[in-house]
Amino acid sequence: MPLLDHFRPPITPNHTWESFHSNWATRIADALNDLLPPEYMAEEHTSMGSRLVIDIATYEVMAGIGSSNGHAVALATYAPPAATATAPLAIPDSFQIRVFETSGGLKLVGVIEIVSPGNKDRPEERRAFVAKAVGYLHQGISLIVVDVVTSRHANLHNELMRVVGADAQCELPTGTFLYAVAYRPVARDERTELDLWSHPLALGEPLPTLPLRLAGDTFVPVDLESSYCEACERRRIG
C-alpha cells in the first residue's frame, strides 16, 4: 500500500492521526514480537506531551508517615523557598515502540519514534524531541524515527545531526520533510560513532524496512510497509 496523507482530506477528519499513530505503533510492536528472540520484547507507548499531568496523589497518602524500629513516625513537612526562576518546558508527544531485553530485569535497547505534528510544530517542541533522541543515543540505545507528518514542514533528523555535530553529508536533502531513519550508536577503535540508514519518503510510495540493533551486531528488521498496511486495513483506510 502506498503512503497516504493522513493529515488532510479526504482521510481527515474521518480518521484522526492520533488513533492511526497508536494503531500503527501496536502493529509494529506485534510484528517485532513475532521476530524477537525470547529474551526481548516490544511494547507500544503513547503520551501527549501537551496534556501531561504529573500526578502525585498516589504518594500523598503516605507523605506524613515513616517508620522507625517498626513504629510509624510523623515526618516534618518542608516548604521550599521561592524558586529563583521559572522556565518554559516543552514535553514532546510520544508515539513509541520500546524494545526491552528481559533477562536480568528490563533494559531498554531500542526505540521507534513515530513523529507527531506537535513534534514538528514550534522550535521548543522540535528541540525537546531532538533532546530526547540524543538522550537515547548517548545511552547506547538504538533509535528509529519515522516521519509521515505532511501538515508541518520541518526535518527533525537534520536538526538531530546538527546537535550531534555530524557532517552535512549525514543530513537529508533540503526540502525533505517525510523520511525514516535508523540510528545505531557504536564504539569503534576507542571512538563513539553513529551509523545511519536514512530513507526519504514520498506519498504514493511504499515504506522501507529498517534495521534495529538489539545488542552488538544483532539486528532485527522493522518492516514499516507491512505494519502500515495492516494499520490501514484495521482502520478501513485505503
Protein backbone atom coordinates (compact mmCIF):
# COMPACT_ATOMS: atom_id res chain seq x y z
CA MET A 1 0.00 0.00 0.00
CA PRO A 2 1.44 3.44 -0.88
CA LEU A 3 1.99 6.01 1.84
CA LEU A 4 -1.17 8.10 2.30
CA ASP A 5 -1.66 11.62 3.64
CA HIS A 6 -3.40 11.14 6.98
CA PHE A 7 -3.36 14.83 7.88
CA ARG A 8 -5.51 16.27 5.09
CA PRO A 9 -8.89 15.50 3.43
CA PRO A 10 -10.35 13.16 2.40
CA ILE A 11 -8.85 10.97 5.17
CA THR A 12 -9.06 13.81 7.71
CA PRO A 13 -11.44 14.45 9.52
CA ASN A 14 -12.99 10.98 9.12
CA HIS A 15 -9.91 9.45 10.77
CA THR A 16 -7.72 11.02 13.44
CA TRP A 17 -3.96 10.85 13.17
CA GLU A 18 -3.72 10.13 16.92
CA SER A 19 -5.74 6.94 16.54
CA PHE A 20 -3.80 5.89 13.46
CA HIS A 21 -0.41 6.52 15.06
CA SER A 22 -1.39 4.49 18.13
CA ASN A 23 -2.73 1.71 15.92
CA TRP A 24 0.40 1.68 13.78
CA ALA A 25 2.62 1.54 16.86
CA THR A 26 0.70 -1.52 18.05
CA ARG A 27 1.12 -3.26 14.67
CA ILE A 28 4.87 -2.58 14.68
CA ALA A 29 5.20 -3.91 18.23
CA ASP A 30 3.21 -7.05 17.38
CA ALA A 31 5.33 -7.70 14.29
CA LEU A 32 8.55 -7.23 16.28
CA ASN A 33 7.42 -9.64 18.99
CA ASP A 34 6.98 -12.28 16.29
CA LEU A 35 10.66 -11.83 15.34
CA LEU A 36 12.46 -11.00 18.58
CA PRO A 37 14.48 -13.64 20.46
CA PRO A 38 12.81 -14.93 23.67
CA GLU A 39 14.87 -12.61 25.88
CA TYR A 40 13.48 -9.49 24.18
CA MET A 41 10.03 -7.91 23.97
CA ALA A 42 8.45 -4.88 22.29
CA GLU A 43 5.75 -2.65 23.74
CA GLU A 44 3.97 0.39 22.33
CA HIS A 45 3.88 3.56 24.43
CA THR A 46 1.93 6.74 23.67
CA SER A 47 1.57 10.01 25.52
CA MET A 48 0.57 13.52 24.50
CA GLY A 49 3.10 15.94 25.94
CA SER A 50 0.79 18.97 25.89
CA ARG A 51 -1.70 17.08 28.07
CA LEU A 52 0.84 15.72 30.54
CA VAL A 53 -0.31 15.66 34.16
CA ILE A 54 2.24 14.88 36.88
CA ASP A 55 0.05 13.11 39.40
CA ILE A 56 1.41 12.85 42.95
CA ALA A 57 -1.89 11.91 44.56
CA THR A 58 -0.75 8.27 44.85
CA TYR A 59 2.07 9.31 47.17
CA GLU A 60 0.17 11.81 49.29
CA VAL A 61 -1.47 9.14 51.42
CA MET A 62 1.94 8.14 52.81
CA ALA A 63 3.53 11.58 52.75
CA GLY A 64 3.36 12.13 56.51
CA ILE A 65 4.26 8.60 57.60
CA GLY A 66 7.65 6.99 58.02
CA SER A 67 8.95 4.18 60.20
CA SER A 68 11.49 3.80 62.98
CA ASN A 69 12.05 0.41 64.58
CA GLY A 70 8.77 -0.77 63.18
CA HIS A 71 6.80 2.20 64.59
CA ALA A 72 5.11 4.84 62.49
CA VAL A 73 6.51 8.32 62.91
CA ALA A 74 5.43 11.68 61.55
CA LEU A 75 7.77 13.29 59.05
CA ALA A 76 8.42 17.01 59.25
CA THR A 77 6.98 18.94 56.33
CA TYR A 78 9.30 21.08 54.24
CA ALA A 79 8.35 24.30 52.49
CA PRO A 80 10.99 25.24 49.92
CA PRO A 81 11.90 28.87 49.31
CA ALA A 82 10.51 30.66 46.30
CA ALA A 83 12.00 29.44 43.04
CA THR A 84 14.82 31.59 41.74
CA ALA A 85 13.38 31.41 38.21
CA THR A 86 10.70 29.69 36.14
CA ALA A 87 11.46 28.46 32.62
CA PRO A 88 9.16 27.03 29.94
CA LEU A 89 9.35 23.28 29.49
CA ALA A 90 8.23 21.51 26.33
CA ILE A 91 7.19 17.89 26.85
CA PRO A 92 7.24 16.11 23.46
CA ASP A 93 4.43 13.87 22.25
CA SER A 94 5.44 10.21 22.21
CA PHE A 95 4.18 7.53 19.84
CA GLN A 96 6.80 4.91 20.52
CA ILE A 97 7.63 1.26 20.29
CA ARG A 98 10.10 0.33 23.02
CA VAL A 99 12.21 -2.82 22.79
CA PHE A 100 13.47 -4.31 26.05
CA GLU A 101 15.93 -7.01 26.95
CA THR A 102 14.20 -9.00 29.69
CA SER A 103 16.98 -11.20 31.07
CA GLY A 104 18.01 -9.89 34.47
CA GLY A 105 15.33 -7.20 34.51
CA LEU A 106 14.03 -4.81 31.87
CA LYS A 107 16.71 -2.98 29.90
CA LEU A 108 15.71 -0.60 27.12
CA VAL A 109 17.74 -1.39 23.98
CA GLY A 110 15.74 0.19 21.16
CA VAL A 111 13.10 2.83 20.48
CA ILE A 112 10.99 3.50 17.38
CA GLU A 113 9.52 7.02 17.32
CA ILE A 114 6.57 7.89 15.07
CA VAL A 115 6.69 11.67 14.72
CA SER A 116 3.57 13.68 15.59
CA PRO A 117 2.59 17.13 14.23
CA GLY A 118 3.35 18.60 17.65
CA ASN A 119 6.92 17.31 17.49
CA LYS A 120 7.48 19.42 14.35
CA ASP A 121 5.44 22.47 15.31
CA ARG A 122 7.34 25.06 17.35
CA PRO A 123 11.10 25.42 17.85
CA GLU A 124 10.85 24.41 21.51
CA GLU A 125 8.90 21.26 20.60
CA ARG A 126 11.48 20.32 18.00
CA ARG A 127 14.30 20.90 20.48
CA ALA A 128 12.51 18.72 23.04
CA PHE A 129 12.15 15.88 20.54
CA VAL A 130 15.77 16.12 19.45
CA ALA A 131 16.96 16.25 23.06
CA LYS A 132 15.02 13.07 23.82
CA ALA A 133 16.52 11.36 20.76
CA VAL A 134 20.06 12.44 21.69
CA GLY A 135 19.49 11.13 25.21
CA TYR A 136 18.67 7.67 23.86
CA LEU A 137 21.71 7.64 21.58
CA HIS A 138 24.06 8.78 24.36
CA GLN A 139 22.86 5.80 26.42
CA GLY A 140 23.71 3.42 23.56
CA ILE A 141 20.05 2.83 22.73
CA SER A 142 19.27 2.23 19.06
CA LEU A 143 16.65 4.50 17.53
CA ILE A 144 14.37 4.67 14.51
CA VAL A 145 12.50 7.88 13.63
CA VAL A 146 9.57 7.69 11.21
CA ASP A 147 8.10 10.98 9.98
CA VAL A 148 4.98 10.85 7.80
CA VAL A 149 3.60 14.21 9.00
CA THR A 150 2.59 16.31 5.99
CA SER A 151 0.98 19.17 7.92
CA ARG A 152 4.29 20.56 9.27
CA HIS A 153 7.43 21.32 7.28
CA ALA A 154 10.44 20.59 9.47
CA ASN A 155 13.16 17.97 9.42
CA LEU A 156 13.94 16.61 12.88
CA HIS A 157 16.66 14.32 11.53
CA ASN A 158 18.65 17.25 10.17
CA GLU A 159 18.24 19.11 13.47
CA LEU A 160 19.47 15.99 15.29
CA MET A 161 22.52 15.77 13.05
CA ARG A 162 23.44 19.37 13.82
CA VAL A 163 23.14 18.80 17.56
CA VAL A 164 25.46 15.76 17.49
CA GLY A 165 27.93 17.62 15.26
CA ALA A 166 27.61 15.32 12.24
CA ASP A 167 28.92 16.24 8.80
CA ALA A 168 26.47 17.90 6.43
CA GLN A 169 26.53 14.76 4.27
CA CYS A 170 24.62 12.98 7.06
CA GLU A 171 21.66 15.31 6.59
CA LEU A 172 18.76 14.68 4.24
CA PRO A 173 18.41 17.00 1.22
CA THR A 174 16.82 20.39 1.77
CA GLY A 175 13.06 20.18 1.31
CA THR A 176 12.82 16.59 2.62
CA PHE A 177 10.01 16.56 5.18
CA LEU A 178 8.98 12.88 5.09
CA TYR A 179 11.60 10.29 6.00
CA ALA A 180 12.54 7.27 8.07
CA VAL A 181 15.98 6.93 9.65
CA ALA A 182 17.61 4.21 11.76
CA TYR A 183 20.42 5.17 14.16
CA ARG A 184 22.94 2.80 15.71
CA PRO A 185 25.37 4.18 18.30
CA VAL A 186 28.54 2.09 18.29
CA ALA A 187 32.07 2.18 19.72
CA ARG A 188 34.87 1.52 17.22
CA ASP A 189 38.60 1.83 17.88
CA GLU A 190 38.00 3.86 21.04
CA ARG A 191 35.70 6.22 19.11
CA THR A 192 31.95 6.59 19.51
CA GLU A 193 30.17 6.72 16.16
CA LEU A 194 26.63 6.76 14.83
CA ASP A 195 25.65 4.51 11.92
CA LEU A 196 22.72 5.83 9.87
CA TRP A 197 20.23 4.24 7.48
CA SER A 198 18.21 7.12 6.02
CA HIS A 199 15.30 6.91 3.59
CA PRO A 200 13.37 9.90 2.21
CA LEU A 201 9.67 9.05 1.94
CA ALA A 202 7.05 10.19 -0.56
CA LEU A 203 3.28 9.99 -0.73
CA GLY A 204 2.20 7.20 -3.05
CA GLU A 205 5.42 5.23 -2.46
CA PRO A 206 5.98 2.13 -0.26
CA LEU A 207 7.73 2.34 3.09
CA PRO A 208 11.16 0.81 3.73
CA THR A 209 12.44 -1.89 6.07
CA LEU A 210 14.94 -0.54 8.60
CA PRO A 211 17.42 -2.29 10.92
CA LEU A 212 17.04 -2.02 14.69
CA ARG A 213 20.11 -3.07 16.66
CA LEU A 214 19.41 -5.14 19.79
CA ALA A 215 22.94 -5.80 21.04
CA GLY A 216 26.37 -5.85 19.42
CA ASP A 217 25.87 -6.85 15.81
CA THR A 218 22.45 -8.43 16.41
CA PHE A 219 19.73 -6.64 14.43
CA VAL A 220 16.05 -7.18 13.77
CA PRO A 221 14.28 -5.87 10.62
CA VAL A 222 11.48 -3.36 11.13
CA ASP A 223 9.14 -3.75 8.16
CA LEU A 224 7.31 -0.44 8.11
CA GLU A 225 5.36 -1.29 4.95
CA SER A 226 3.66 -4.44 6.24
CA SER A 227 2.77 -2.88 9.60
CA TYR A 228 1.48 0.24 7.83
CA CYS A 229 -0.71 -1.86 5.54
CA GLU A 230 -2.17 -3.73 8.49
CA ALA A 231 -2.83 -0.47 10.36
CA CYS A 232 -4.66 0.93 7.33
CA GLU A 233 -6.71 -2.23 6.94
CA ARG A 234 -7.69 -2.18 10.62
CA ARG A 235 -8.95 1.39 10.21
CA ARG A 236 -10.54 0.69 6.80
CA ILE A 237 -8.29 3.25 5.15
CA GLY A 238 -7.18 2.86 1.60
